[in-house]
Amino acid sequence: MIGSALKPLASEGSYFQLYDYSSISNSGDKEFAKYLTIEIGVAVIPVSAFYSSGRDEKVVRFCFAKKEKTLAAAGALLRRNIT
């Protein structure tokens, strides 16, 4: 998200975008996803959920298949709380 400390990872086009949060927190991705969802109000998917090994690279997945109003609100919450 522009204006937040989340670092976007390259994407070839999708309704999803991966973000590295390693400069923000040492928490595992499941814990960080819970934090964003419960404390900040923006739901994300921990990428470790897609690996049978459970490997955790401090990356979360955002879905952008949302209304523009919803995306703007999420962006504002992230910029205000994740700097």
N, C-alpha and C. Protein backbone atom coordinates (compact mmCIF):
# COMPACT_ATOMS: atom_id res chain seq x y z
N MET A 1 0.83 -1.16 0.00
CA MET A 1 0.00 0.00 0.00
C MET A 1 0.89 1.24 0.00
N ILE A 2 0.64 2.11 -0.93
CA ILE A 2 1.41 3.34 -1.00
C ILE A 2 1.19 4.13 0.29
N GLY A 3 2.28 4.56 0.89
CA GLY A 3 2.20 5.33 2.12
C GLY A 3 2.29 4.48 3.38
N SER A 4 2.38 3.17 3.22
CA SER A 4 2.56 2.29 4.39
C SER A 4 3.93 1.65 4.29
N ALA A 5 4.34 0.95 5.32
CA ALA A 5 5.65 0.29 5.33
C ALA A 5 5.61 -1.09 4.71
N LEU A 6 4.47 -1.50 4.19
CA LEU A 6 4.38 -2.81 3.52
C LEU A 6 5.10 -2.73 2.18
N LYS A 7 5.88 -3.76 1.85
CA LYS A 7 6.67 -3.77 0.61
C LYS A 7 6.00 -4.70 -0.40
N PRO A 8 5.51 -4.16 -1.54
CA PRO A 8 4.86 -5.01 -2.53
C PRO A 8 5.86 -5.93 -3.22
N LEU A 9 5.44 -7.14 -3.53
CA LEU A 9 6.26 -8.07 -4.28
C LEU A 9 5.74 -8.10 -5.71
N ALA A 10 6.61 -8.40 -6.66
CA ALA A 10 6.23 -8.40 -8.07
C ALA A 10 5.04 -9.32 -8.32
N SER A 11 4.14 -8.85 -9.17
CA SER A 11 2.96 -9.63 -9.54
C SER A 11 2.73 -9.49 -11.04
N GLU A 12 2.39 -10.58 -11.68
CA GLU A 12 2.15 -10.57 -13.12
C GLU A 12 0.70 -10.26 -13.48
N GLY A 13 -0.10 -9.98 -12.51
CA GLY A 13 -1.50 -9.67 -12.77
C GLY A 13 -2.41 -10.69 -12.12
N SER A 14 -3.29 -10.20 -11.32
CA SER A 14 -4.13 -11.09 -10.52
C SER A 14 -5.08 -10.21 -9.73
N TYR A 15 -5.99 -10.83 -9.03
CA TYR A 15 -6.82 -10.10 -8.09
C TYR A 15 -6.17 -10.06 -6.72
N PHE A 16 -4.92 -10.51 -6.64
CA PHE A 16 -4.21 -10.58 -5.37
C PHE A 16 -2.86 -9.90 -5.49
N GLN A 17 -2.38 -9.35 -4.37
CA GLN A 17 -1.06 -8.75 -4.31
C GLN A 17 -0.40 -9.22 -3.02
N LEU A 18 0.85 -9.65 -3.14
CA LEU A 18 1.62 -10.08 -1.97
C LEU A 18 2.43 -8.90 -1.44
N TYR A 19 2.51 -8.82 -0.11
CA TYR A 19 3.29 -7.78 0.55
C TYR A 19 4.19 -8.39 1.61
N ASP A 20 5.44 -7.95 1.63
CA ASP A 20 6.42 -8.33 2.63
C ASP A 20 6.27 -7.36 3.81
N TYR A 21 6.14 -7.89 5.00
CA TYR A 21 6.01 -7.04 6.18
C TYR A 21 7.19 -7.19 7.13
N SER A 22 8.28 -7.80 6.67
CA SER A 22 9.41 -8.13 7.55
C SER A 22 10.06 -6.90 8.19
N SER A 23 9.92 -5.73 7.60
CA SER A 23 10.50 -4.52 8.20
C SER A 23 9.59 -3.93 9.28
N ILE A 24 8.38 -4.48 9.41
CA ILE A 24 7.40 -3.97 10.36
C ILE A 24 7.32 -4.82 11.61
N SER A 25 7.39 -6.15 11.44
CA SER A 25 7.13 -7.07 12.55
C SER A 25 7.93 -8.35 12.40
N ASN A 26 8.26 -8.96 13.51
CA ASN A 26 8.91 -10.27 13.53
C ASN A 26 7.89 -11.39 13.70
N SER A 27 6.62 -11.04 13.81
CA SER A 27 5.56 -12.04 13.99
C SER A 27 5.46 -12.96 12.79
N GLY A 28 5.00 -14.18 13.04
CA GLY A 28 4.71 -15.09 11.94
C GLY A 28 3.55 -14.54 11.12
N ASP A 29 3.40 -15.03 9.89
CA ASP A 29 2.38 -14.46 9.02
C ASP A 29 0.96 -14.70 9.52
N LYS A 30 0.71 -15.82 10.19
CA LYS A 30 -0.63 -16.05 10.73
C LYS A 30 -0.94 -15.05 11.84
N GLU A 31 0.02 -14.82 12.71
CA GLU A 31 -0.16 -13.85 13.79
C GLU A 31 -0.32 -12.44 13.24
N PHE A 32 0.48 -12.08 12.23
CA PHE A 32 0.39 -10.75 11.63
C PHE A 32 -0.94 -10.57 10.92
N ALA A 33 -1.42 -11.60 10.24
CA ALA A 33 -2.71 -11.55 9.57
C ALA A 33 -3.84 -11.34 10.58
N LYS A 34 -3.76 -12.03 11.71
CA LYS A 34 -4.75 -11.84 12.78
C LYS A 34 -4.72 -10.41 13.29
N TYR A 35 -3.52 -9.89 13.50
CA TYR A 35 -3.36 -8.51 13.97
C TYR A 35 -4.01 -7.53 13.00
N LEU A 36 -3.68 -7.65 11.71
CA LEU A 36 -4.26 -6.73 10.73
C LEU A 36 -5.78 -6.83 10.70
N THR A 37 -6.29 -8.05 10.77
CA THR A 37 -7.73 -8.25 10.69
C THR A 37 -8.45 -7.74 11.93
N ILE A 38 -7.97 -8.12 13.10
CA ILE A 38 -8.67 -7.78 14.34
C ILE A 38 -8.38 -6.36 14.81
N GLU A 39 -7.12 -5.97 14.82
CA GLU A 39 -6.74 -4.67 15.37
C GLU A 39 -6.86 -3.51 14.38
N ILE A 40 -6.55 -3.77 13.12
CA ILE A 40 -6.56 -2.70 12.12
C ILE A 40 -7.86 -2.69 11.32
N GLY A 41 -8.46 -3.86 11.12
CA GLY A 41 -9.72 -3.93 10.37
C GLY A 41 -9.56 -4.22 8.89
N VAL A 42 -8.39 -4.77 8.52
CA VAL A 42 -8.12 -5.12 7.12
C VAL A 42 -7.75 -6.60 7.07
N ALA A 43 -8.56 -7.39 6.37
CA ALA A 43 -8.32 -8.83 6.30
C ALA A 43 -7.29 -9.17 5.23
N VAL A 44 -6.36 -10.05 5.58
CA VAL A 44 -5.35 -10.56 4.65
C VAL A 44 -5.23 -12.07 4.85
N ILE A 45 -4.53 -12.70 3.94
CA ILE A 45 -4.31 -14.15 4.00
C ILE A 45 -2.84 -14.40 4.25
N PRO A 46 -2.50 -15.19 5.27
CA PRO A 46 -1.09 -15.53 5.49
C PRO A 46 -0.64 -16.50 4.39
N VAL A 47 0.45 -16.19 3.73
CA VAL A 47 0.92 -16.99 2.60
C VAL A 47 1.35 -18.39 3.03
N SER A 48 1.75 -18.56 4.28
CA SER A 48 2.14 -19.90 4.74
C SER A 48 0.99 -20.90 4.61
N ALA A 49 -0.24 -20.42 4.56
CA ALA A 49 -1.40 -21.31 4.40
C ALA A 49 -1.37 -22.07 3.08
N PHE A 50 -0.59 -21.60 2.12
CA PHE A 50 -0.51 -22.23 0.81
C PHE A 50 0.62 -23.25 0.70
N TYR A 51 1.40 -23.41 1.76
CA TYR A 51 2.52 -24.34 1.75
C TYR A 51 2.26 -25.49 2.72
N SER A 52 2.41 -26.71 2.25
CA SER A 52 2.20 -27.85 3.15
C SER A 52 3.24 -27.87 4.27
N SER A 53 4.40 -27.30 4.01
CA SER A 53 5.46 -27.24 5.03
C SER A 53 5.18 -26.15 6.07
N GLY A 54 4.26 -25.22 5.74
CA GLY A 54 3.97 -24.11 6.64
C GLY A 54 5.06 -23.05 6.65
N ARG A 55 5.96 -23.10 5.67
CA ARG A 55 7.07 -22.13 5.66
C ARG A 55 6.52 -20.71 5.71
N ASP A 56 7.21 -19.87 6.43
CA ASP A 56 6.75 -18.51 6.71
C ASP A 56 7.83 -17.53 6.26
N GLU A 57 7.52 -16.75 5.24
CA GLU A 57 8.48 -15.78 4.70
C GLU A 57 8.09 -14.34 5.02
N LYS A 58 7.20 -14.17 6.02
CA LYS A 58 6.74 -12.84 6.42
C LYS A 58 6.08 -12.10 5.25
N VAL A 59 5.15 -12.81 4.60
CA VAL A 59 4.42 -12.27 3.45
C VAL A 59 2.94 -12.55 3.66
N VAL A 60 2.12 -11.54 3.35
CA VAL A 60 0.67 -11.70 3.40
C VAL A 60 0.08 -11.34 2.04
N ARG A 61 -1.12 -11.83 1.81
CA ARG A 61 -1.78 -11.67 0.51
C ARG A 61 -3.06 -10.85 0.68
N PHE A 62 -3.17 -9.79 -0.10
CA PHE A 62 -4.35 -8.94 -0.13
C PHE A 62 -5.15 -9.27 -1.39
N CYS A 63 -6.47 -9.22 -1.28
CA CYS A 63 -7.34 -9.40 -2.45
C CYS A 63 -7.84 -8.02 -2.87
N PHE A 64 -7.72 -7.73 -4.18
CA PHE A 64 -8.16 -6.44 -4.71
C PHE A 64 -9.46 -6.53 -5.49
N ALA A 65 -10.13 -7.66 -5.45
CA ALA A 65 -11.41 -7.81 -6.12
C ALA A 65 -12.49 -7.25 -5.20
N LYS A 66 -12.42 -5.96 -4.97
CA LYS A 66 -13.30 -5.25 -4.04
C LYS A 66 -13.78 -3.96 -4.69
N LYS A 67 -14.79 -3.36 -4.11
CA LYS A 67 -15.26 -2.06 -4.56
C LYS A 67 -14.20 -1.02 -4.25
N GLU A 68 -14.12 0.00 -5.08
CA GLU A 68 -13.13 1.07 -4.91
C GLU A 68 -13.24 1.71 -3.52
N LYS A 69 -14.45 1.88 -3.04
CA LYS A 69 -14.68 2.47 -1.72
C LYS A 69 -14.06 1.60 -0.62
N THR A 70 -14.17 0.29 -0.74
CA THR A 70 -13.60 -0.64 0.23
C THR A 70 -12.08 -0.58 0.21
N LEU A 71 -11.51 -0.54 -1.00
CA LEU A 71 -10.05 -0.46 -1.13
C LEU A 71 -9.51 0.85 -0.56
N ALA A 72 -10.22 1.95 -0.81
CA ALA A 72 -9.78 3.25 -0.29
C ALA A 72 -9.80 3.25 1.23
N ALA A 73 -10.84 2.67 1.82
CA ALA A 73 -10.93 2.60 3.29
C ALA A 73 -9.81 1.74 3.86
N ALA A 74 -9.53 0.60 3.23
CA ALA A 74 -8.45 -0.28 3.69
C ALA A 74 -7.11 0.43 3.59
N GLY A 75 -6.88 1.12 2.48
CA GLY A 75 -5.64 1.86 2.30
C GLY A 75 -5.45 2.92 3.37
N ALA A 76 -6.52 3.63 3.70
CA ALA A 76 -6.45 4.66 4.74
C ALA A 76 -6.11 4.04 6.10
N LEU A 77 -6.73 2.91 6.42
CA LEU A 77 -6.43 2.23 7.68
C LEU A 77 -4.97 1.79 7.75
N LEU A 78 -4.47 1.24 6.66
CA LEU A 78 -3.08 0.78 6.64
C LEU A 78 -2.10 1.93 6.72
N ARG A 79 -2.35 3.01 5.98
CA ARG A 79 -1.44 4.17 6.04
C ARG A 79 -1.42 4.77 7.43
N ARG A 80 -2.55 4.79 8.09
CA ARG A 80 -2.65 5.37 9.43
C ARG A 80 -1.98 4.48 10.49
N ASN A 81 -2.01 3.19 10.30
CA ASN A 81 -1.57 2.26 11.35
C ASN A 81 -0.30 1.46 11.04
N ILE A 82 0.09 1.36 9.81
CA ILE A 82 1.27 0.58 9.42
C ILE A 82 2.24 1.51 8.70
N THR A 83 3.07 2.21 9.45
CA THR A 83 3.99 3.17 8.84
C THR A 83 5.42 2.79 9.09
